[in-house]
Amino acid sequence: MGNWLLAVLIGVVIGLALGIKIAQDSNNKQPVRGGAVAQTLHYLACAAMMSVLPFIITGIIVGLKFVVLLSTGVGLMVLTGAFLLLEASIERGATAPPPDRPVLTD
């Protein structure tokens, strides 16, 4: 197994684990509309974003060149953007949640 593949696998595994927490926190702050597909894309975007730093740290440890680290890191961020654009296109067609009804008190 090559050093680059090892660094990518370690980064992706750590990103998938950390992506769960980031996606949950983000969903608590602002819920994802659009159903299960939008939530899956949101999770994948969080996981791809969280994979960048572990990949770079692992790549430095195994001795990858700077250009390889930079290009793969940028590629992971582009993948994050693609997932978010797909999620946004799905959310755009989703219906808005009903507005909160005011509560009248005496």
N, C-alpha and C. Protein backbone atom coordinates (compact mmCIF):
# COMPACT_ATOMS: atom_id res chain seq x y z
N MET A 1 0.85 -1.17 0.00
CA MET A 1 0.00 0.00 0.00
C MET A 1 0.90 1.24 0.00
N GLY A 2 0.60 2.17 -0.87
CA GLY A 2 1.40 3.38 -0.97
C GLY A 2 1.16 4.32 0.21
N ASN A 3 2.13 5.21 0.41
CA ASN A 3 2.01 6.16 1.51
C ASN A 3 0.82 7.10 1.33
N TRP A 4 0.55 7.50 0.06
CA TRP A 4 -0.57 8.40 -0.19
C TRP A 4 -1.89 7.72 0.15
N LEU A 5 -2.03 6.48 -0.28
CA LEU A 5 -3.27 5.75 0.00
C LEU A 5 -3.46 5.53 1.50
N LEU A 6 -2.38 5.23 2.19
CA LEU A 6 -2.45 5.07 3.64
C LEU A 6 -2.91 6.36 4.31
N ALA A 7 -2.34 7.49 3.88
CA ALA A 7 -2.72 8.78 4.47
C ALA A 7 -4.18 9.11 4.16
N VAL A 8 -4.63 8.82 2.95
CA VAL A 8 -6.03 9.09 2.58
C VAL A 8 -6.96 8.21 3.41
N LEU A 9 -6.64 6.93 3.54
CA LEU A 9 -7.50 6.03 4.32
C LEU A 9 -7.59 6.45 5.78
N ILE A 10 -6.46 6.81 6.37
CA ILE A 10 -6.49 7.27 7.77
C ILE A 10 -7.29 8.56 7.88
N GLY A 11 -7.10 9.49 6.95
CA GLY A 11 -7.86 10.73 6.97
C GLY A 11 -9.35 10.50 6.81
N VAL A 12 -9.73 9.61 5.91
CA VAL A 12 -11.16 9.34 5.67
C VAL A 12 -11.80 8.64 6.86
N VAL A 13 -11.10 7.68 7.46
CA VAL A 13 -11.66 6.98 8.61
C VAL A 13 -11.87 7.95 9.78
N ILE A 14 -10.88 8.79 10.05
CA ILE A 14 -11.03 9.78 11.13
C ILE A 14 -12.11 10.79 10.76
N GLY A 15 -12.16 11.20 9.49
CA GLY A 15 -13.18 12.14 9.04
C GLY A 15 -14.59 11.59 9.16
N LEU A 16 -14.75 10.30 8.84
CA LEU A 16 -16.08 9.69 8.98
C LEU A 16 -16.51 9.64 10.45
N ALA A 17 -15.57 9.37 11.34
CA ALA A 17 -15.90 9.33 12.77
C ALA A 17 -16.22 10.72 13.31
N LEU A 18 -15.41 11.71 12.96
CA LEU A 18 -15.65 13.07 13.45
C LEU A 18 -16.82 13.74 12.74
N GLY A 19 -17.10 13.32 11.51
CA GLY A 19 -18.20 13.90 10.75
C GLY A 19 -19.55 13.68 11.39
N ILE A 20 -19.69 12.59 12.13
CA ILE A 20 -20.95 12.31 12.83
C ILE A 20 -21.25 13.42 13.82
N LYS A 21 -20.27 13.78 14.64
CA LYS A 21 -20.46 14.82 15.67
C LYS A 21 -20.71 16.18 15.03
N ILE A 22 -19.94 16.51 14.00
CA ILE A 22 -20.09 17.81 13.33
C ILE A 22 -21.46 17.91 12.67
N ALA A 23 -21.91 16.84 12.02
CA ALA A 23 -23.22 16.86 11.37
C ALA A 23 -24.34 16.97 12.38
N GLN A 24 -24.22 16.29 13.53
CA GLN A 24 -25.25 16.40 14.57
C GLN A 24 -25.31 17.81 15.14
N ASP A 25 -24.15 18.39 15.43
CA ASP A 25 -24.14 19.76 15.96
C ASP A 25 -24.71 20.75 14.96
N SER A 26 -24.36 20.58 13.71
CA SER A 26 -24.88 21.46 12.67
C SER A 26 -26.38 21.29 12.50
N ASN A 27 -26.86 20.06 12.59
CA ASN A 27 -28.29 19.80 12.46
C ASN A 27 -29.07 20.35 13.65
N ASN A 28 -28.47 20.33 14.83
CA ASN A 28 -29.12 20.92 16.00
C ASN A 28 -29.20 22.44 15.88
N LYS A 29 -28.18 23.05 15.30
CA LYS A 29 -28.16 24.51 15.15
C LYS A 29 -29.16 24.97 14.08
N GLN A 30 -29.16 24.28 12.95
CA GLN A 30 -30.10 24.60 11.87
C GLN A 30 -30.47 23.29 11.18
N PRO A 31 -31.69 22.81 11.38
CA PRO A 31 -32.09 21.49 10.85
C PRO A 31 -31.99 21.42 9.32
N VAL A 32 -31.62 20.25 8.86
CA VAL A 32 -31.51 19.98 7.42
C VAL A 32 -32.87 19.55 6.91
N ARG A 33 -33.37 20.26 5.90
CA ARG A 33 -34.62 19.85 5.26
C ARG A 33 -34.27 19.05 4.02
N GLY A 34 -35.21 18.35 3.48
CA GLY A 34 -34.98 17.62 2.24
C GLY A 34 -34.91 16.12 2.41
N GLY A 35 -35.12 15.65 3.61
CA GLY A 35 -35.20 14.21 3.82
C GLY A 35 -33.86 13.54 4.05
N ALA A 36 -33.88 12.22 3.88
CA ALA A 36 -32.71 11.40 4.18
C ALA A 36 -31.56 11.66 3.21
N VAL A 37 -31.87 11.94 1.96
CA VAL A 37 -30.81 12.18 0.98
C VAL A 37 -30.03 13.45 1.34
N ALA A 38 -30.74 14.51 1.71
CA ALA A 38 -30.07 15.75 2.09
C ALA A 38 -29.25 15.56 3.36
N GLN A 39 -29.77 14.81 4.31
CA GLN A 39 -29.01 14.57 5.54
C GLN A 39 -27.77 13.72 5.26
N THR A 40 -27.88 12.77 4.36
CA THR A 40 -26.72 11.95 4.00
C THR A 40 -25.65 12.79 3.32
N LEU A 41 -26.07 13.65 2.40
CA LEU A 41 -25.11 14.53 1.74
C LEU A 41 -24.47 15.50 2.73
N HIS A 42 -25.25 15.97 3.69
CA HIS A 42 -24.72 16.87 4.72
C HIS A 42 -23.67 16.13 5.55
N TYR A 43 -23.95 14.89 5.93
CA TYR A 43 -22.99 14.10 6.69
C TYR A 43 -21.72 13.86 5.88
N LEU A 44 -21.86 13.52 4.59
CA LEU A 44 -20.69 13.28 3.76
C LEU A 44 -19.85 14.54 3.60
N ALA A 45 -20.50 15.70 3.51
CA ALA A 45 -19.76 16.96 3.43
C ALA A 45 -19.00 17.21 4.73
N CYS A 46 -19.63 16.96 5.86
CA CYS A 46 -18.94 17.12 7.14
C CYS A 46 -17.77 16.16 7.26
N ALA A 47 -17.98 14.92 6.82
CA ALA A 47 -16.91 13.92 6.90
C ALA A 47 -15.74 14.29 5.99
N ALA A 48 -16.03 14.76 4.77
CA ALA A 48 -14.96 15.15 3.85
C ALA A 48 -14.18 16.35 4.40
N MET A 49 -14.90 17.30 4.99
CA MET A 49 -14.23 18.47 5.57
C MET A 49 -13.32 18.06 6.73
N MET A 50 -13.81 17.13 7.55
CA MET A 50 -13.03 16.70 8.71
C MET A 50 -11.89 15.76 8.33
N SER A 51 -11.85 15.29 7.10
CA SER A 51 -10.78 14.39 6.65
C SER A 51 -9.52 15.12 6.26
N VAL A 52 -9.62 16.41 6.00
CA VAL A 52 -8.48 17.16 5.46
C VAL A 52 -7.32 17.20 6.46
N LEU A 53 -7.57 17.65 7.66
CA LEU A 53 -6.47 17.81 8.63
C LEU A 53 -5.82 16.48 9.01
N PRO A 54 -6.60 15.41 9.30
CA PRO A 54 -5.93 14.13 9.58
C PRO A 54 -5.11 13.62 8.40
N PHE A 55 -5.59 13.85 7.18
CA PHE A 55 -4.82 13.45 6.00
C PHE A 55 -3.50 14.20 5.94
N ILE A 56 -3.53 15.50 6.15
CA ILE A 56 -2.31 16.30 6.07
C ILE A 56 -1.32 15.90 7.16
N ILE A 57 -1.81 15.71 8.38
CA ILE A 57 -0.91 15.30 9.46
C ILE A 57 -0.30 13.93 9.17
N THR A 58 -1.11 12.98 8.71
CA THR A 58 -0.60 11.66 8.38
C THR A 58 0.36 11.73 7.20
N GLY A 59 0.06 12.56 6.23
CA GLY A 59 0.94 12.72 5.07
C GLY A 59 2.29 13.29 5.45
N ILE A 60 2.31 14.23 6.38
CA ILE A 60 3.59 14.78 6.85
C ILE A 60 4.39 13.70 7.56
N ILE A 61 3.70 12.88 8.36
CA ILE A 61 4.39 11.83 9.11
C ILE A 61 5.00 10.78 8.18
N VAL A 62 4.26 10.38 7.14
CA VAL A 62 4.77 9.35 6.23
C VAL A 62 5.68 9.92 5.15
N GLY A 63 5.80 11.24 5.07
CA GLY A 63 6.77 11.86 4.17
C GLY A 63 6.27 12.18 2.78
N LEU A 64 5.02 12.53 2.63
CA LEU A 64 4.52 12.94 1.32
C LEU A 64 5.01 14.33 0.97
N LYS A 65 5.11 14.61 -0.32
CA LYS A 65 5.57 15.91 -0.77
C LYS A 65 4.48 16.95 -0.57
N PHE A 66 4.90 18.22 -0.49
CA PHE A 66 3.98 19.33 -0.24
C PHE A 66 2.92 19.43 -1.32
N VAL A 67 3.31 19.26 -2.56
CA VAL A 67 2.36 19.38 -3.68
C VAL A 67 1.27 18.32 -3.58
N VAL A 68 1.65 17.12 -3.19
CA VAL A 68 0.68 16.04 -3.04
C VAL A 68 -0.27 16.34 -1.89
N LEU A 69 0.27 16.83 -0.78
CA LEU A 69 -0.58 17.19 0.36
C LEU A 69 -1.55 18.30 -0.01
N LEU A 70 -1.04 19.33 -0.67
CA LEU A 70 -1.88 20.47 -1.03
C LEU A 70 -2.96 20.07 -2.03
N SER A 71 -2.59 19.32 -3.07
CA SER A 71 -3.57 18.97 -4.09
C SER A 71 -4.65 18.03 -3.54
N THR A 72 -4.28 17.09 -2.70
CA THR A 72 -5.28 16.20 -2.13
C THR A 72 -6.16 16.94 -1.13
N GLY A 73 -5.59 17.84 -0.34
CA GLY A 73 -6.38 18.64 0.59
C GLY A 73 -7.38 19.52 -0.14
N VAL A 74 -6.93 20.14 -1.22
CA VAL A 74 -7.85 20.96 -2.03
C VAL A 74 -8.91 20.08 -2.67
N GLY A 75 -8.52 18.89 -3.11
CA GLY A 75 -9.49 17.96 -3.69
C GLY A 75 -10.57 17.55 -2.70
N LEU A 76 -10.18 17.32 -1.44
CA LEU A 76 -11.17 16.99 -0.41
C LEU A 76 -12.11 18.17 -0.15
N MET A 77 -11.57 19.38 -0.18
CA MET A 77 -12.43 20.56 0.02
C MET A 77 -13.38 20.76 -1.17
N VAL A 78 -12.91 20.46 -2.38
CA VAL A 78 -13.79 20.52 -3.56
C VAL A 78 -14.90 19.48 -3.43
N LEU A 79 -14.55 18.30 -2.95
CA LEU A 79 -15.56 17.26 -2.71
C LEU A 79 -16.59 17.72 -1.68
N THR A 80 -16.12 18.41 -0.64
CA THR A 80 -17.03 18.98 0.36
C THR A 80 -18.00 19.97 -0.30
N GLY A 81 -17.45 20.84 -1.13
CA GLY A 81 -18.30 21.81 -1.82
C GLY A 81 -19.31 21.16 -2.74
N ALA A 82 -18.91 20.09 -3.41
CA ALA A 82 -19.84 19.38 -4.30
C ALA A 82 -20.98 18.75 -3.51
N PHE A 83 -20.65 18.14 -2.36
CA PHE A 83 -21.70 17.57 -1.52
C PHE A 83 -22.66 18.65 -1.02
N LEU A 84 -22.11 19.79 -0.63
CA LEU A 84 -22.96 20.87 -0.13
C LEU A 84 -23.84 21.47 -1.23
N LEU A 85 -23.30 21.57 -2.45
CA LEU A 85 -24.13 22.07 -3.55
C LEU A 85 -25.27 21.10 -3.87
N LEU A 86 -24.99 19.80 -3.85
CA LEU A 86 -26.06 18.83 -4.07
C LEU A 86 -27.10 18.90 -2.96
N GLU A 87 -26.62 19.05 -1.72
CA GLU A 87 -27.57 19.16 -0.60
C GLU A 87 -28.43 20.41 -0.73
N ALA A 88 -27.80 21.52 -1.12
CA ALA A 88 -28.56 22.77 -1.26
C ALA A 88 -29.60 22.67 -2.38
N SER A 89 -29.26 21.97 -3.45
CA SER A 89 -30.25 21.84 -4.53
C SER A 89 -31.43 20.98 -4.09
N ILE A 90 -31.18 20.00 -3.23
CA ILE A 90 -32.28 19.19 -2.71
C ILE A 90 -33.10 19.98 -1.70
N GLU A 91 -32.42 20.73 -0.83
CA GLU A 91 -33.14 21.52 0.18
C GLU A 91 -33.96 22.64 -0.45
N ARG A 92 -33.52 23.15 -1.57
CA ARG A 92 -34.25 24.25 -2.21
C ARG A 92 -35.66 23.82 -2.60
N GLY A 93 -35.81 22.59 -3.01
CA GLY A 93 -37.12 22.08 -3.41
C GLY A 93 -37.97 21.62 -2.23
N ALA A 94 -37.39 21.53 -1.04
CA ALA A 94 -38.14 21.05 0.13
C ALA A 94 -39.07 22.15 0.63
N THR A 95 -40.15 21.73 1.22
CA THR A 95 -41.09 22.70 1.77
C THR A 95 -40.54 23.28 3.06
N ALA A 96 -40.86 24.53 3.28
CA ALA A 96 -40.41 25.21 4.50
C ALA A 96 -41.25 24.72 5.69
N PRO A 97 -40.63 24.66 6.86
CA PRO A 97 -41.41 24.25 8.03
C PRO A 97 -42.45 25.31 8.36
N PRO A 98 -43.58 24.91 8.93
CA PRO A 98 -44.61 25.90 9.26
C PRO A 98 -44.08 26.88 10.31
N PRO A 99 -44.49 28.14 10.22
CA PRO A 99 -44.02 29.12 11.20
C PRO A 99 -44.60 28.83 12.58
N ASP A 100 -43.84 29.22 13.58
CA ASP A 100 -44.33 29.04 14.96
C ASP A 100 -45.52 29.96 15.19
N ARG A 101 -46.52 29.40 15.84
CA ARG A 101 -47.72 30.19 16.14
C ARG A 101 -47.47 30.98 17.41
N PRO A 102 -47.84 32.23 17.41
CA PRO A 102 -47.63 33.01 18.64
C PRO A 102 -48.53 32.51 19.76
N VAL A 103 -48.01 32.55 20.95
CA VAL A 103 -48.76 32.12 22.13
C VAL A 103 -49.22 33.38 22.87
N LEU A 104 -50.51 33.49 23.04
CA LEU A 104 -51.06 34.64 23.72
C LEU A 104 -51.22 34.29 25.21
N THR A 105 -50.72 35.16 26.03
CA THR A 105 -50.84 34.96 27.48
C THR A 105 -51.51 36.19 28.10
N ASP A 106 -52.10 35.97 29.24
CA ASP A 106 -52.75 37.09 29.94
C ASP A 106 -51.78 37.80 30.84
